[in-house]
Amino acid sequence: MYYVYMLRCRGGVYYTGLTVDVARRYQAHLTGKGAKFTRSYPPEAIAAVWRCGDKGTAARVEYTIKKHLTHWQKQQLSAAPETLQELLPQLAKLEIEVCRR
């Protein structure tokens, strides 16, 4: 099972990644052992999490969020993660489930 997660980071920026264990990955980001981006902009909170099933689906969701959403749209998505497939209709046919924080 793979998950796509979005972090709200220092400065109000968002980071999106994928993992099999959100809690462990978040802890890695907090300790500076996550992505280079989160060393510069430490995470403040997990903004959203989606269960994607396989790695290919998770990678597609992660890429689409990173490349197609503006900062403002990521803020909206953070407030209402269930709107992912409405904001990004190209993901409508994928099996994606919102995970409650």
C-alpha atoms as a PDB file:
ATOM      1  CA  MET A   1       0.000   0.000   0.000  1.00  0.00           C
ATOM      2  CA  TYR A   2       1.389   3.403  -0.987  1.00  0.00           C
ATOM      3  CA  TYR A   3       0.386   6.815   0.259  1.00  0.00           C
ATOM      4  CA  VAL A   4       0.767  10.304  -1.148  1.00  0.00           C
ATOM      5  CA  TYR A   5       1.104  12.965   1.519  1.00  0.00           C
ATOM      6  CA  MET A   6       1.235  16.726   1.506  1.00  0.00           C
ATOM      7  CA  LEU A   7       3.058  18.662   4.221  1.00  0.00           C
ATOM      8  CA  ARG A   8       2.539  22.277   5.173  1.00  0.00           C
ATOM      9  CA  CYS A   9       6.025  23.638   5.753  1.00  0.00           C
ATOM     10  CA  ARG A  10       7.624  26.742   7.221  1.00  0.00           C
ATOM     11  CA  GLY A  11       6.860  29.814   5.169  1.00  0.00           C
ATOM     12  CA  GLY A  12       3.467  28.463   4.120  1.00  0.00           C
ATOM     13  CA  VAL A  13       4.871  26.290   1.342  1.00  0.00           C
ATOM     14  CA  TYR A  14       3.740  22.744   0.579  1.00  0.00           C
ATOM     15  CA  TYR A  15       5.740  19.584  -0.015  1.00  0.00           C
ATOM     16  CA  THR A  16       4.247  16.473  -1.626  1.00  0.00           C
ATOM     17  CA  GLY A  17       5.772  13.011  -1.427  1.00  0.00           C
ATOM     18  CA  LEU A  18       4.950   9.304  -1.462  1.00  0.00           C
ATOM     19  CA  THR A  19       5.712   6.554   1.015  1.00  0.00           C
ATOM     20  CA  VAL A  20       4.539   3.261   2.464  1.00  0.00           C
ATOM     21  CA  ASP A  21       4.654   4.635   6.038  1.00  0.00           C
ATOM     22  CA  VAL A  22       3.498   8.236   6.478  1.00  0.00           C
ATOM     23  CA  ALA A  23       4.340   8.479  10.188  1.00  0.00           C
ATOM     24  CA  ARG A  24       7.908   7.217   9.697  1.00  0.00           C
ATOM     25  CA  ARG A  25       8.466   9.469   6.682  1.00  0.00           C
ATOM     26  CA  TYR A  26       7.088  12.515   8.520  1.00  0.00           C
ATOM     27  CA  GLN A  27       9.469  11.812  11.400  1.00  0.00           C
ATOM     28  CA  ALA A  28      12.346  11.645   8.912  1.00  0.00           C
ATOM     29  CA  HIS A  29      11.355  15.059   7.550  1.00  0.00           C
ATOM     30  CA  LEU A  30      11.178  16.483  11.085  1.00  0.00           C
ATOM     31  CA  THR A  31      14.682  15.268  11.922  1.00  0.00           C
ATOM     32  CA  GLY A  32      16.210  16.602   8.691  1.00  0.00           C
ATOM     33  CA  LYS A  33      16.648  13.161   7.145  1.00  0.00           C
ATOM     34  CA  GLY A  34      13.769  13.527   4.673  1.00  0.00           C
ATOM     35  CA  ALA A  35      13.938  15.446   1.424  1.00  0.00           C
ATOM     36  CA  LYS A  36      16.390  18.263   0.789  1.00  0.00           C
ATOM     37  CA  PHE A  37      13.397  20.608   0.431  1.00  0.00           C
ATOM     38  CA  THR A  38      12.190  19.909   3.980  1.00  0.00           C
ATOM     39  CA  ARG A  39      15.630  20.632   5.393  1.00  0.00           C
ATOM     40  CA  SER A  40      15.243  24.173   4.052  1.00  0.00           C
ATOM     41  CA  TYR A  41      11.533  24.403   4.853  1.00  0.00           C
ATOM     42  CA  PRO A  42      10.860  22.210   7.907  1.00  0.00           C
ATOM     43  CA  PRO A  43       7.379  20.678   8.047  1.00  0.00           C
ATOM     44  CA  GLU A  44       4.806  22.131  10.428  1.00  0.00           C
ATOM     45  CA  ALA A  45       1.984  19.638   9.849  1.00  0.00           C
ATOM     46  CA  ILE A  46       0.679  16.861   7.637  1.00  0.00           C
ATOM     47  CA  ALA A  47      -1.810  18.680   5.417  1.00  0.00           C
ATOM     48  CA  ALA A  48      -3.365  15.687   3.603  1.00  0.00           C
ATOM     49  CA  VAL A  49      -2.879  11.966   2.949  1.00  0.00           C
ATOM     50  CA  TRP A  50      -4.270   9.762   0.181  1.00  0.00           C
ATOM     51  CA  ARG A  51      -4.110   5.951  -0.016  1.00  0.00           C
ATOM     52  CA  CYS A  52      -3.259   4.957  -3.579  1.00  0.00           C
ATOM     53  CA  GLY A  53      -2.715   1.201  -3.594  1.00  0.00           C
ATOM     54  CA  ASP A  54       0.257   0.663  -5.869  1.00  0.00           C
ATOM     55  CA  LYS A  55       3.453   2.653  -6.371  1.00  0.00           C
ATOM     56  CA  GLY A  56       2.617   3.613  -9.958  1.00  0.00           C
ATOM     57  CA  THR A  57      -0.653   5.228  -8.942  1.00  0.00           C
ATOM     58  CA  ALA A  58       0.998   7.027  -6.031  1.00  0.00           C
ATOM     59  CA  ALA A  59       3.780   8.328  -8.293  1.00  0.00           C
ATOM     60  CA  ARG A  60       1.238   9.617 -10.800  1.00  0.00           C
ATOM     61  CA  VAL A  61      -0.771  11.383  -8.083  1.00  0.00           C
ATOM     62  CA  GLU A  62       2.367  12.925  -6.553  1.00  0.00           C
ATOM     63  CA  TYR A  63       3.643  14.145  -9.923  1.00  0.00           C
ATOM     64  CA  THR A  64       0.267  15.584 -10.903  1.00  0.00           C
ATOM     65  CA  ILE A  65      -0.082  17.522  -7.648  1.00  0.00           C
ATOM     66  CA  LYS A  66       3.452  18.904  -7.927  1.00  0.00           C
ATOM     67  CA  LYS A  67       3.230  19.895 -11.581  1.00  0.00           C
ATOM     68  CA  HIS A  68      -0.374  21.008 -12.048  1.00  0.00           C
ATOM     69  CA  LEU A  69      -1.502  22.743  -8.866  1.00  0.00           C
ATOM     70  CA  THR A  70      -0.733  26.292  -7.862  1.00  0.00           C
ATOM     71  CA  HIS A  71       0.094  27.234  -4.293  1.00  0.00           C
ATOM     72  CA  TRP A  72      -3.459  28.497  -3.838  1.00  0.00           C
ATOM     73  CA  GLN A  73      -4.920  25.196  -5.137  1.00  0.00           C
ATOM     74  CA  LYS A  74      -2.669  23.265  -2.742  1.00  0.00           C
ATOM     75  CA  GLN A  75      -4.072  25.378   0.098  1.00  0.00           C
ATOM     76  CA  GLN A  76      -7.578  24.472  -1.032  1.00  0.00           C
ATOM     77  CA  LEU A  77      -6.627  20.807  -1.274  1.00  0.00           C
ATOM     78  CA  SER A  78      -5.170  20.920   2.222  1.00  0.00           C
ATOM     79  CA  ALA A  79      -8.505  22.196   3.556  1.00  0.00           C
ATOM     80  CA  ALA A  80     -10.548  19.656   1.567  1.00  0.00           C
ATOM     81  CA  PRO A  81      -8.419  16.635   0.539  1.00  0.00           C
ATOM     82  CA  GLU A  82     -11.502  14.849  -0.814  1.00  0.00           C
ATOM     83  CA  THR A  83     -11.537  17.324  -3.737  1.00  0.00           C
ATOM     84  CA  LEU A  84      -8.326  15.919  -5.273  1.00  0.00           C
ATOM     85  CA  GLN A  85     -10.065  14.276  -8.219  1.00  0.00           C
ATOM     86  CA  GLU A  86     -12.252  17.341  -8.804  1.00  0.00           C
ATOM     87  CA  LEU A  87      -9.200  19.641  -8.916  1.00  0.00           C
ATOM     88  CA  LEU A  88      -7.302  17.165 -11.085  1.00  0.00           C
ATOM     89  CA  PRO A  89      -9.816  15.421 -13.389  1.00  0.00           C
ATOM     90  CA  GLN A  90      -6.998  13.456 -15.059  1.00  0.00           C
ATOM     91  CA  LEU A  91      -6.876  11.395 -11.833  1.00  0.00           C
ATOM     92  CA  ALA A  92     -10.630  10.672 -11.814  1.00  0.00           C
ATOM     93  CA  LYS A  93     -10.310   7.051 -12.957  1.00  0.00           C
ATOM     94  CA  LEU A  94      -7.694   6.122 -10.348  1.00  0.00           C
ATOM     95  CA  GLU A  95      -8.614   4.464  -7.080  1.00  0.00           C
ATOM     96  CA  ILE A  96      -7.578   7.028  -4.479  1.00  0.00           C
ATOM     97  CA  GLU A  97      -8.902   7.181  -0.929  1.00  0.00           C
ATOM     98  CA  VAL A  98      -8.572  10.118   1.442  1.00  0.00           C
ATOM     99  CA  CYS A  99      -7.034   9.164   4.779  1.00  0.00           C
ATOM    100  CA  ARG A 100      -8.257  11.143   7.760  1.00  0.00           C
ATOM    101  CA  ARG A 101      -5.535  12.810   9.811  1.00  0.00           C
END
